Amino acid sequence: MNIRNARPEDLMNMQHCNLLCLPENYQMKYYFYHGLSWPQLSYIAEDENGKIVGYVLAKMEEDPDDVPHGHITSLAVKRSHRRLGLAQKLMDQASRAMIENFNAKYVSLHVRKSNRAALHLYSNTLKFQISEVEPKYYADGEDAYAMKRDLAHMADEVTIISTFIQTCWCHTCHDFHKPLAT
């Protein structure tokens, strides 16, 4: 399995995956909107043959009265590839990209109250918290949980890794230093 940034040529296959997996479907222009506005935030999971088996469609919220934060518009993994950790990897990669590119402080999403599997993933595995119930959020009248995940801990990890990558091991003093300019 491979997780990589979604490219424009992936968008149709992402939509196809969405149609197979979820009752909430989007027109193609919505995928293009995400891909053109926030190209660094959406990711796909592909199998060994390069076929898309999952995706996360993500964006930044444009709320001037709030701190920078992202939103997961859609997450799907084909039934044949579930329980392999792909959803967690996709979500973590999108969250890291939100931090690295936009200094996001948290990420939000909506989930059907009846979707127990997704609620377990979001609450137990990814540590999202329910922030509110949105009545009749979905077209069929079902309520949604609005959920948020604080990204402070992940931001600290991103900073540590980034700092480490920007250093190199000195064989003379046996310590890490910034590389000398050449």
N, C-alpha and C. Protein backbone atom coordinates (compact mmCIF):
# COMPACT_ATOMS: atom_id res chain seq x y z
N MET A 1 0.84 -1.19 0.00
CA MET A 1 0.00 0.00 0.00
C MET A 1 0.88 1.24 0.00
N ASN A 2 0.41 2.25 -0.66
CA ASN A 2 1.14 3.51 -0.74
C ASN A 2 0.18 4.66 -0.47
N ILE A 3 0.60 5.58 0.39
CA ILE A 3 -0.16 6.81 0.64
C ILE A 3 0.60 7.93 -0.05
N ARG A 4 -0.09 8.70 -0.87
CA ARG A 4 0.57 9.83 -1.53
C ARG A 4 -0.43 10.97 -1.71
N ASN A 5 0.14 12.14 -1.98
CA ASN A 5 -0.66 13.32 -2.25
C ASN A 5 -1.51 13.09 -3.50
N ALA A 6 -2.77 13.49 -3.43
CA ALA A 6 -3.66 13.34 -4.59
C ALA A 6 -3.24 14.31 -5.69
N ARG A 7 -3.34 13.83 -6.92
CA ARG A 7 -3.04 14.65 -8.09
C ARG A 7 -4.33 14.87 -8.88
N PRO A 8 -4.35 15.87 -9.76
CA PRO A 8 -5.58 16.12 -10.53
C PRO A 8 -6.11 14.89 -11.26
N GLU A 9 -5.21 14.06 -11.77
CA GLU A 9 -5.66 12.87 -12.50
C GLU A 9 -6.28 11.80 -11.58
N ASP A 10 -6.16 11.97 -10.26
CA ASP A 10 -6.76 11.04 -9.30
C ASP A 10 -8.21 11.38 -8.97
N LEU A 11 -8.63 12.60 -9.26
CA LEU A 11 -9.91 13.09 -8.74
C LEU A 11 -11.10 12.25 -9.19
N MET A 12 -11.11 11.79 -10.43
CA MET A 12 -12.24 10.97 -10.90
C MET A 12 -12.29 9.64 -10.15
N ASN A 13 -11.13 9.03 -9.89
CA ASN A 13 -11.11 7.77 -9.15
C ASN A 13 -11.44 7.98 -7.68
N MET A 14 -11.12 9.15 -7.14
CA MET A 14 -11.54 9.47 -5.77
C MET A 14 -13.06 9.55 -5.72
N GLN A 15 -13.65 10.21 -6.71
CA GLN A 15 -15.11 10.30 -6.75
C GLN A 15 -15.73 8.91 -6.88
N HIS A 16 -15.14 8.06 -7.69
CA HIS A 16 -15.65 6.70 -7.86
C HIS A 16 -15.60 5.94 -6.52
N CYS A 17 -14.50 6.08 -5.80
CA CYS A 17 -14.36 5.45 -4.48
C CYS A 17 -15.44 5.99 -3.54
N ASN A 18 -15.68 7.28 -3.60
CA ASN A 18 -16.73 7.90 -2.77
C ASN A 18 -18.09 7.29 -3.08
N LEU A 19 -18.41 7.15 -4.35
CA LEU A 19 -19.71 6.60 -4.75
C LEU A 19 -19.88 5.15 -4.29
N LEU A 20 -18.78 4.39 -4.26
CA LEU A 20 -18.84 3.00 -3.80
C LEU A 20 -19.01 2.89 -2.29
N CYS A 21 -18.45 3.84 -1.55
CA CYS A 21 -18.32 3.69 -0.10
C CYS A 21 -19.30 4.49 0.75
N LEU A 22 -19.76 5.62 0.28
CA LEU A 22 -20.48 6.55 1.15
C LEU A 22 -21.82 7.00 0.58
N PRO A 23 -22.76 7.32 1.46
CA PRO A 23 -24.03 7.88 0.99
C PRO A 23 -23.93 9.37 0.65
N GLU A 24 -22.89 10.06 1.16
CA GLU A 24 -22.70 11.48 0.85
C GLU A 24 -21.79 11.58 -0.37
N ASN A 25 -22.35 12.07 -1.45
CA ASN A 25 -21.59 12.15 -2.70
C ASN A 25 -21.50 13.59 -3.17
N TYR A 26 -20.45 13.87 -3.93
CA TYR A 26 -20.17 15.23 -4.37
C TYR A 26 -20.01 15.26 -5.88
N GLN A 27 -20.36 16.40 -6.46
CA GLN A 27 -20.13 16.60 -7.89
C GLN A 27 -18.64 16.76 -8.13
N MET A 28 -18.23 16.45 -9.35
CA MET A 28 -16.81 16.51 -9.71
C MET A 28 -16.20 17.88 -9.45
N LYS A 29 -16.99 18.94 -9.64
CA LYS A 29 -16.44 20.29 -9.45
C LYS A 29 -16.00 20.51 -8.00
N TYR A 30 -16.60 19.80 -7.05
CA TYR A 30 -16.22 19.94 -5.64
C TYR A 30 -14.84 19.32 -5.39
N TYR A 31 -14.55 18.21 -6.06
CA TYR A 31 -13.22 17.61 -5.97
C TYR A 31 -12.18 18.55 -6.57
N PHE A 32 -12.51 19.15 -7.71
CA PHE A 32 -11.59 20.10 -8.34
C PHE A 32 -11.38 21.33 -7.45
N TYR A 33 -12.43 21.80 -6.82
CA TYR A 33 -12.33 22.93 -5.88
C TYR A 33 -11.30 22.63 -4.79
N HIS A 34 -11.38 21.45 -4.20
CA HIS A 34 -10.42 21.06 -3.16
C HIS A 34 -9.01 20.93 -3.77
N GLY A 35 -8.94 20.23 -4.89
CA GLY A 35 -7.64 19.97 -5.51
C GLY A 35 -6.92 21.22 -5.97
N LEU A 36 -7.67 22.20 -6.44
CA LEU A 36 -7.05 23.44 -6.91
C LEU A 36 -6.79 24.42 -5.77
N SER A 37 -7.65 24.45 -4.77
CA SER A 37 -7.51 25.41 -3.67
C SER A 37 -6.50 24.95 -2.62
N TRP A 38 -6.49 23.66 -2.32
CA TRP A 38 -5.60 23.11 -1.28
C TRP A 38 -4.97 21.82 -1.79
N PRO A 39 -4.12 21.89 -2.83
CA PRO A 39 -3.59 20.67 -3.45
C PRO A 39 -2.73 19.82 -2.51
N GLN A 40 -2.19 20.44 -1.47
CA GLN A 40 -1.31 19.71 -0.57
C GLN A 40 -2.04 18.96 0.54
N LEU A 41 -3.36 19.05 0.61
CA LEU A 41 -4.10 18.50 1.76
C LEU A 41 -4.84 17.19 1.50
N SER A 42 -5.07 16.82 0.27
CA SER A 42 -5.82 15.59 -0.01
C SER A 42 -4.86 14.48 -0.41
N TYR A 43 -5.16 13.26 0.05
CA TYR A 43 -4.28 12.11 -0.15
C TYR A 43 -5.08 10.91 -0.62
N ILE A 44 -4.36 10.02 -1.29
CA ILE A 44 -4.98 8.77 -1.72
C ILE A 44 -4.15 7.60 -1.20
N ALA A 45 -4.82 6.47 -1.02
CA ALA A 45 -4.16 5.20 -0.74
C ALA A 45 -4.31 4.37 -2.00
N GLU A 46 -3.20 3.82 -2.47
CA GLU A 46 -3.27 3.00 -3.67
C GLU A 46 -2.68 1.62 -3.38
N ASP A 47 -3.22 0.61 -4.06
CA ASP A 47 -2.73 -0.75 -3.88
C ASP A 47 -1.47 -0.95 -4.71
N GLU A 48 -0.96 -2.18 -4.70
CA GLU A 48 0.29 -2.49 -5.40
C GLU A 48 0.18 -2.32 -6.91
N ASN A 49 -1.04 -2.26 -7.43
CA ASN A 49 -1.25 -2.04 -8.87
C ASN A 49 -1.53 -0.57 -9.20
N GLY A 50 -1.44 0.30 -8.20
CA GLY A 50 -1.68 1.72 -8.42
C GLY A 50 -3.15 2.10 -8.44
N LYS A 51 -4.03 1.19 -8.05
CA LYS A 51 -5.47 1.47 -8.00
C LYS A 51 -5.81 2.16 -6.69
N ILE A 52 -6.64 3.19 -6.76
CA ILE A 52 -7.05 3.92 -5.56
C ILE A 52 -8.02 3.07 -4.75
N VAL A 53 -7.65 2.85 -3.47
CA VAL A 53 -8.50 2.05 -2.58
C VAL A 53 -9.02 2.89 -1.41
N GLY A 54 -8.59 4.14 -1.35
CA GLY A 54 -9.06 5.04 -0.30
C GLY A 54 -8.56 6.45 -0.56
N TYR A 55 -9.19 7.40 0.12
CA TYR A 55 -8.78 8.79 -0.06
C TYR A 55 -9.25 9.61 1.15
N VAL A 56 -8.62 10.76 1.31
CA VAL A 56 -9.12 11.79 2.21
C VAL A 56 -9.17 13.09 1.41
N LEU A 57 -10.31 13.74 1.43
CA LEU A 57 -10.52 15.02 0.76
C LEU A 57 -10.57 16.08 1.86
N ALA A 58 -9.60 16.98 1.86
CA ALA A 58 -9.46 17.92 2.98
C ALA A 58 -9.28 19.34 2.47
N LYS A 59 -9.57 20.28 3.35
CA LYS A 59 -9.45 21.70 3.01
C LYS A 59 -9.16 22.49 4.28
N MET A 60 -8.87 23.76 4.10
CA MET A 60 -8.76 24.69 5.23
C MET A 60 -10.06 25.47 5.31
N GLU A 61 -10.52 25.69 6.53
CA GLU A 61 -11.71 26.52 6.72
C GLU A 61 -11.30 27.98 6.61
N GLU A 62 -12.16 28.77 6.04
CA GLU A 62 -11.86 30.18 5.83
C GLU A 62 -12.73 31.03 6.74
N ASP A 63 -12.45 30.92 8.04
CA ASP A 63 -13.19 31.65 9.07
C ASP A 63 -12.25 32.66 9.72
N PRO A 64 -12.37 33.95 9.39
CA PRO A 64 -11.44 34.95 9.93
C PRO A 64 -11.57 35.14 11.44
N ASP A 65 -12.66 34.67 12.05
CA ASP A 65 -12.86 34.84 13.48
C ASP A 65 -12.31 33.67 14.30
N ASP A 66 -11.67 32.72 13.67
CA ASP A 66 -11.17 31.54 14.37
C ASP A 66 -9.70 31.33 14.01
N VAL A 67 -9.01 30.49 14.78
CA VAL A 67 -7.63 30.14 14.48
C VAL A 67 -7.60 29.31 13.20
N PRO A 68 -6.44 29.25 12.52
CA PRO A 68 -6.37 28.42 11.31
C PRO A 68 -6.73 26.97 11.65
N HIS A 69 -7.63 26.39 10.88
CA HIS A 69 -7.99 25.00 11.11
C HIS A 69 -8.47 24.36 9.82
N GLY A 70 -8.25 23.07 9.77
CA GLY A 70 -8.64 22.31 8.59
C GLY A 70 -9.97 21.62 8.78
N HIS A 71 -10.45 21.05 7.69
CA HIS A 71 -11.71 20.30 7.72
C HIS A 71 -11.58 19.09 6.81
N ILE A 72 -12.01 17.95 7.31
CA ILE A 72 -12.06 16.73 6.49
C ILE A 72 -13.43 16.70 5.83
N THR A 73 -13.45 16.88 4.53
CA THR A 73 -14.70 16.86 3.79
C THR A 73 -15.19 15.44 3.59
N SER A 74 -14.27 14.54 3.29
CA SER A 74 -14.66 13.15 3.02
C SER A 74 -13.48 12.23 3.23
N LEU A 75 -13.76 11.07 3.82
CA LEU A 75 -12.77 10.01 4.01
C LEU A 75 -13.44 8.70 3.63
N ALA A 76 -12.80 7.93 2.78
CA ALA A 76 -13.37 6.64 2.39
C ALA A 76 -12.25 5.65 2.11
N VAL A 77 -12.49 4.40 2.51
CA VAL A 77 -11.61 3.28 2.17
C VAL A 77 -12.51 2.15 1.68
N LYS A 78 -12.15 1.59 0.54
CA LYS A 78 -12.96 0.49 -0.01
C LYS A 78 -13.04 -0.65 1.00
N ARG A 79 -14.19 -1.29 1.04
CA ARG A 79 -14.45 -2.36 2.01
C ARG A 79 -13.35 -3.43 1.98
N SER A 80 -12.85 -3.75 0.81
CA SER A 80 -11.82 -4.79 0.66
C SER A 80 -10.48 -4.41 1.31
N HIS A 81 -10.31 -3.14 1.64
CA HIS A 81 -9.04 -2.67 2.20
C HIS A 81 -9.20 -2.03 3.58
N ARG A 82 -10.31 -2.28 4.23
CA ARG A 82 -10.52 -1.73 5.57
C ARG A 82 -9.79 -2.57 6.61
N ARG A 83 -9.62 -1.98 7.79
CA ARG A 83 -8.96 -2.61 8.94
C ARG A 83 -7.48 -2.88 8.68
N LEU A 84 -6.88 -2.06 7.82
CA LEU A 84 -5.45 -2.14 7.54
C LEU A 84 -4.72 -0.89 8.02
N GLY A 85 -5.45 0.03 8.64
CA GLY A 85 -4.84 1.27 9.12
C GLY A 85 -4.77 2.37 8.08
N LEU A 86 -5.38 2.17 6.92
CA LEU A 86 -5.29 3.17 5.85
C LEU A 86 -6.00 4.46 6.21
N ALA A 87 -7.17 4.36 6.82
CA ALA A 87 -7.92 5.58 7.19
C ALA A 87 -7.10 6.43 8.16
N GLN A 88 -6.49 5.79 9.14
CA GLN A 88 -5.66 6.53 10.10
C GLN A 88 -4.47 7.18 9.40
N LYS A 89 -3.82 6.46 8.51
CA LYS A 89 -2.67 7.02 7.79
C LYS A 89 -3.09 8.20 6.92
N LEU A 90 -4.20 8.06 6.23
CA LEU A 90 -4.70 9.16 5.39
C LEU A 90 -5.01 10.39 6.24
N MET A 91 -5.70 10.18 7.35
CA MET A 91 -6.08 11.29 8.23
C MET A 91 -4.85 11.96 8.84
N ASP A 92 -3.89 11.15 9.28
CA ASP A 92 -2.68 11.72 9.88
C ASP A 92 -1.88 12.51 8.84
N GLN A 93 -1.80 12.00 7.63
CA GLN A 93 -1.05 12.71 6.59
C GLN A 93 -1.71 14.04 6.24
N ALA A 94 -3.03 14.05 6.12
CA ALA A 94 -3.74 15.30 5.84
C ALA A 94 -3.56 16.28 6.99
N SER A 95 -3.63 15.80 8.22
CA SER A 95 -3.46 16.68 9.38
C SER A 95 -2.06 17.27 9.43
N ARG A 96 -1.04 16.43 9.16
CA ARG A 96 0.33 16.93 9.13
C ARG A 96 0.49 18.02 8.07
N ALA A 97 -0.10 17.79 6.91
CA ALA A 97 -0.01 18.78 5.83
C ALA A 97 -0.69 20.09 6.22
N MET A 98 -1.79 20.01 6.96
CA MET A 98 -2.47 21.22 7.44
C MET A 98 -1.57 22.02 8.37
N ILE A 99 -0.84 21.31 9.22
CA ILE A 99 0.09 21.96 10.15
C ILE A 99 1.25 22.58 9.38
N GLU A 100 1.90 21.78 8.54
CA GLU A 100 3.10 22.22 7.84
C GLU A 100 2.83 23.37 6.87
N ASN A 101 1.70 23.35 6.19
CA ASN A 101 1.42 24.34 5.16
C ASN A 101 0.61 25.54 5.64
N PHE A 102 -0.22 25.35 6.66
CA PHE A 102 -1.14 26.41 7.07
C PHE A 102 -1.15 26.69 8.57
N ASN A 103 -0.26 26.02 9.31
CA ASN A 103 -0.18 26.21 10.76
C ASN A 103 -1.53 25.93 11.45
N ALA A 104 -2.22 24.90 10.98
CA ALA A 104 -3.53 24.55 11.54
C ALA A 104 -3.41 24.16 13.01
N LYS A 105 -4.37 24.60 13.80
CA LYS A 105 -4.40 24.30 15.23
C LYS A 105 -5.31 23.11 15.55
N TYR A 106 -6.31 22.90 14.71
CA TYR A 106 -7.18 21.73 14.87
C TYR A 106 -7.79 21.38 13.53
N VAL A 107 -8.40 20.21 13.49
CA VAL A 107 -9.10 19.77 12.29
C VAL A 107 -10.50 19.33 12.71
N SER A 108 -11.48 19.61 11.87
CA SER A 108 -12.87 19.28 12.17
C SER A 108 -13.43 18.33 11.11
N LEU A 109 -14.55 17.73 11.44
CA LEU A 109 -15.27 16.89 10.50
C LEU A 109 -16.70 16.69 11.00
N HIS A 110 -17.53 16.13 10.14
CA HIS A 110 -18.89 15.73 10.52
C HIS A 110 -19.02 14.24 10.27
N VAL A 111 -19.78 13.59 11.13
CA VAL A 111 -20.03 12.16 10.97
C VAL A 111 -21.46 11.85 11.38
N ARG A 112 -22.07 10.92 10.66
CA ARG A 112 -23.43 10.51 11.00
C ARG A 112 -23.45 9.90 12.40
N LYS A 113 -24.48 10.24 13.16
CA LYS A 113 -24.62 9.68 14.50
C LYS A 113 -24.72 8.15 14.46
N SER A 114 -25.24 7.61 13.37
CA SER A 114 -25.42 6.16 13.26
C SER A 114 -24.17 5.41 12.78
N ASN A 115 -23.12 6.12 12.38
CA ASN A 115 -21.93 5.48 11.81
C ASN A 115 -20.97 5.06 12.92
N ARG A 116 -21.26 3.91 13.52
CA ARG A 116 -20.47 3.45 14.68
C ARG A 116 -19.01 3.20 14.35
N ALA A 117 -18.74 2.62 13.18
CA ALA A 117 -17.35 2.32 12.81
C ALA A 117 -16.54 3.61 12.69
N ALA A 118 -17.11 4.61 12.02
CA ALA A 118 -16.40 5.89 11.87
C ALA A 118 -16.25 6.58 13.22
N LEU A 119 -17.28 6.53 14.05
CA LEU A 119 -17.19 7.15 15.38
C LEU A 119 -16.08 6.50 16.20
N HIS A 120 -15.95 5.18 16.11
CA HIS A 120 -14.88 4.49 16.83
C HIS A 120 -13.51 4.95 16.32
N LEU A 121 -13.35 5.01 15.01
CA LEU A 121 -12.08 5.48 14.42
C LEU A 121 -11.77 6.89 14.89
N TYR A 122 -12.73 7.79 14.75
CA TYR A 122 -12.47 9.19 15.09
C TYR A 122 -12.24 9.39 16.58
N SER A 123 -13.06 8.78 17.41
CA SER A 123 -12.96 9.00 18.86
C SER A 123 -11.80 8.23 19.49
N ASN A 124 -11.71 6.94 19.22
CA ASN A 124 -10.74 6.10 19.92
C ASN A 124 -9.36 6.10 19.29
N THR A 125 -9.30 6.02 17.98
CA THR A 125 -8.00 5.93 17.31
C THR A 125 -7.39 7.30 17.05
N LEU A 126 -8.19 8.23 16.54
CA LEU A 126 -7.66 9.53 16.13
C LEU A 126 -7.85 10.63 17.17
N LYS A 127 -8.55 10.33 18.26
CA LYS A 127 -8.71 11.25 19.40
C LYS A 127 -9.47 12.53 19.05
N PHE A 128 -10.46 12.41 18.18
CA PHE A 128 -11.40 13.51 17.95
C PHE A 128 -12.35 13.58 19.13
N GLN A 129 -12.85 14.78 19.41
CA GLN A 129 -13.85 15.00 20.45
C GLN A 129 -15.12 15.53 19.79
N ILE A 130 -16.27 15.08 20.29
CA ILE A 130 -17.54 15.63 19.80
C ILE A 130 -17.68 17.05 20.33
N SER A 131 -17.87 18.01 19.43
CA SER A 131 -18.03 19.40 19.86
C SER A 131 -19.49 19.81 19.92
N GLU A 132 -20.32 19.22 19.05
CA GLU A 132 -21.76 19.51 19.08
C GLU A 132 -22.51 18.53 18.20
N VAL A 133 -23.81 18.52 18.36
CA VAL A 133 -24.69 17.75 17.49
C VAL A 133 -25.35 18.75 16.54
N GLU A 134 -25.31 18.44 15.25
CA GLU A 134 -25.96 19.29 14.26
C GLU A 134 -27.20 18.56 13.75
N PRO A 135 -28.39 19.01 14.21
CA PRO A 135 -29.63 18.32 13.84
C PRO A 135 -29.88 18.36 12.33
N LYS A 136 -30.35 17.25 11.82
CA LYS A 136 -30.76 17.14 10.41
C LYS A 136 -29.68 17.64 9.45
N TYR A 137 -28.43 17.35 9.74
CA TYR A 137 -27.30 17.81 8.93
C TYR A 137 -27.30 17.17 7.54
N TYR A 138 -27.67 15.90 7.48
CA TYR A 138 -27.60 15.17 6.22
C TYR A 138 -28.90 15.28 5.44
N ALA A 139 -28.81 15.07 4.14
CA ALA A 139 -29.96 15.24 3.24
C ALA A 139 -31.14 14.36 3.64
N ASP A 140 -30.86 13.20 4.23
CA ASP A 140 -31.94 12.30 4.63
C ASP A 140 -32.50 12.64 6.02
N GLY A 141 -32.01 13.74 6.62
CA GLY A 141 -32.52 14.19 7.90
C GLY A 141 -31.77 13.68 9.12
N GLU A 142 -30.76 12.84 8.91
CA GLU A 142 -30.01 12.32 10.06
C GLU A 142 -29.13 13.41 10.67
N ASP A 143 -29.00 13.35 12.00
CA ASP A 143 -28.14 14.28 12.73
C ASP A 143 -26.67 13.91 12.50
N ALA A 144 -25.81 14.91 12.69
CA ALA A 144 -24.36 14.70 12.61
C ALA A 144 -23.72 15.11 13.91
N TYR A 145 -22.64 14.42 14.24
CA TYR A 145 -21.74 14.90 15.28
C TYR A 145 -20.71 15.78 14.58
N ALA A 146 -20.54 17.00 15.07
CA ALA A 146 -19.41 17.82 14.66
C ALA A 146 -18.28 17.45 15.60
N MET A 147 -17.12 17.11 15.05
CA MET A 147 -16.01 16.64 15.86
C MET A 147 -14.77 17.47 15.56
N LYS A 148 -13.89 17.57 16.57
CA LYS A 148 -12.64 18.31 16.42
C LYS A 148 -11.48 17.49 16.99
N ARG A 149 -10.33 17.66 16.36
CA ARG A 149 -9.09 17.03 16.83
C ARG A 149 -8.06 18.13 17.00
N ASP A 150 -7.58 18.28 18.22
CA ASP A 150 -6.53 19.26 18.50
C ASP A 150 -5.23 18.77 17.86
N LEU A 151 -4.53 19.66 17.18
CA LEU A 151 -3.31 19.28 16.47
C LEU A 151 -2.03 19.72 17.19
N ALA A 152 -2.13 20.21 18.42
CA ALA A 152 -0.96 20.72 19.13
C ALA A 152 0.11 19.64 19.30
N HIS A 153 -0.28 18.45 19.73
CA HIS A 153 0.69 17.37 19.93
C HIS A 153 1.35 16.98 18.61
N MET A 154 0.56 16.87 17.56
CA MET A 154 1.11 16.53 16.25
C MET A 154 2.02 17.66 15.75
N ALA A 155 1.66 18.91 16.02
CA ALA A 155 2.49 20.05 15.61
C ALA A 155 3.85 19.98 16.28
N ASP A 156 3.88 19.59 17.55
CA ASP A 156 5.15 19.43 18.26
C ASP A 156 6.00 18.35 17.59
N GLU A 157 5.39 17.23 17.22
CA GLU A 157 6.11 16.16 16.53
C GLU A 157 6.66 16.64 15.19
N VAL A 158 5.85 17.38 14.45
CA VAL A 158 6.27 17.90 13.15
C VAL A 158 7.48 18.82 13.32
N THR A 159 7.45 19.67 14.36
CA THR A 159 8.56 20.59 14.63
C THR A 159 9.83 19.81 14.97
N ILE A 160 9.71 18.80 15.81
CA ILE A 160 10.87 18.00 16.22
C ILE A 160 11.47 17.30 15.01
N ILE A 161 10.64 16.68 14.20
CA ILE A 161 11.13 15.97 13.02
C ILE A 161 11.76 16.94 12.04
N SER A 162 11.13 18.08 11.82
CA SER A 162 11.67 19.08 10.90
C SER A 162 13.03 19.58 11.38
N THR A 163 13.15 19.83 12.67
CA THR A 163 14.42 20.28 13.24
C THR A 163 15.48 19.20 13.08
N PHE A 164 15.12 17.96 13.34
CA PHE A 164 16.06 16.85 13.22
C PHE A 164 16.54 16.70 11.78
N ILE A 165 15.62 16.81 10.83
CA ILE A 165 15.98 16.66 9.42
C ILE A 165 16.94 17.77 8.98
N GLN A 166 16.83 18.94 9.58
CA GLN A 166 17.67 20.07 9.21
C GLN A 166 19.03 20.04 9.90
N THR A 167 19.34 18.95 10.62
CA THR A 167 20.64 18.82 11.28
C THR A 167 21.38 17.64 10.71
N CYS A 168 22.67 17.57 11.00
CA CYS A 168 23.44 16.41 10.58
C CYS A 168 24.41 16.02 11.70
N TRP A 169 24.81 14.77 11.69
CA TRP A 169 25.68 14.22 12.72
C TRP A 169 27.12 14.65 12.47
N CYS A 170 27.74 15.19 13.51
CA CYS A 170 29.14 15.60 13.43
C CYS A 170 30.00 14.46 14.00
N HIS A 171 30.86 13.89 13.17
CA HIS A 171 31.70 12.78 13.61
C HIS A 171 32.84 13.25 14.50
N THR A 172 33.14 14.54 14.50
CA THR A 172 34.21 15.07 15.34
C THR A 172 33.78 15.18 16.79
N CYS A 173 32.65 15.85 17.03
CA CYS A 173 32.21 16.07 18.42
C CYS A 173 31.06 15.15 18.83
N HIS A 174 30.61 14.30 17.91
CA HIS A 174 29.53 13.34 18.19
C HIS A 174 28.27 14.02 18.70
N ASP A 175 27.83 15.01 17.92
CA ASP A 175 26.60 15.73 18.24
C ASP A 175 25.95 16.17 16.92
N PHE A 176 24.71 16.66 17.01
CA PHE A 176 24.01 17.15 15.83
C PHE A 176 24.22 18.65 15.68
N HIS A 177 24.42 19.09 14.43
CA HIS A 177 24.57 20.51 14.11
C HIS A 177 23.83 20.82 12.82
N LYS A 178 23.55 22.10 12.62
CA LYS A 178 23.05 22.52 11.31
C LYS A 178 24.19 22.34 10.31
N PRO A 179 23.88 21.89 9.11
CA PRO A 179 24.96 21.71 8.13
C PRO A 179 25.63 23.04 7.79
N LEU A 180 26.91 22.97 7.51
CA LEU A 180 27.66 24.17 7.12
C LEU A 180 27.24 24.59 5.72
N ALA A 181 27.12 25.88 5.51
CA ALA A 181 26.77 26.40 4.18
C ALA A 181 27.94 26.15 3.25
N THR A 182 27.62 25.76 2.02
CA THR A 182 28.70 25.50 1.06
C THR A 182 28.71 26.53 -0.03
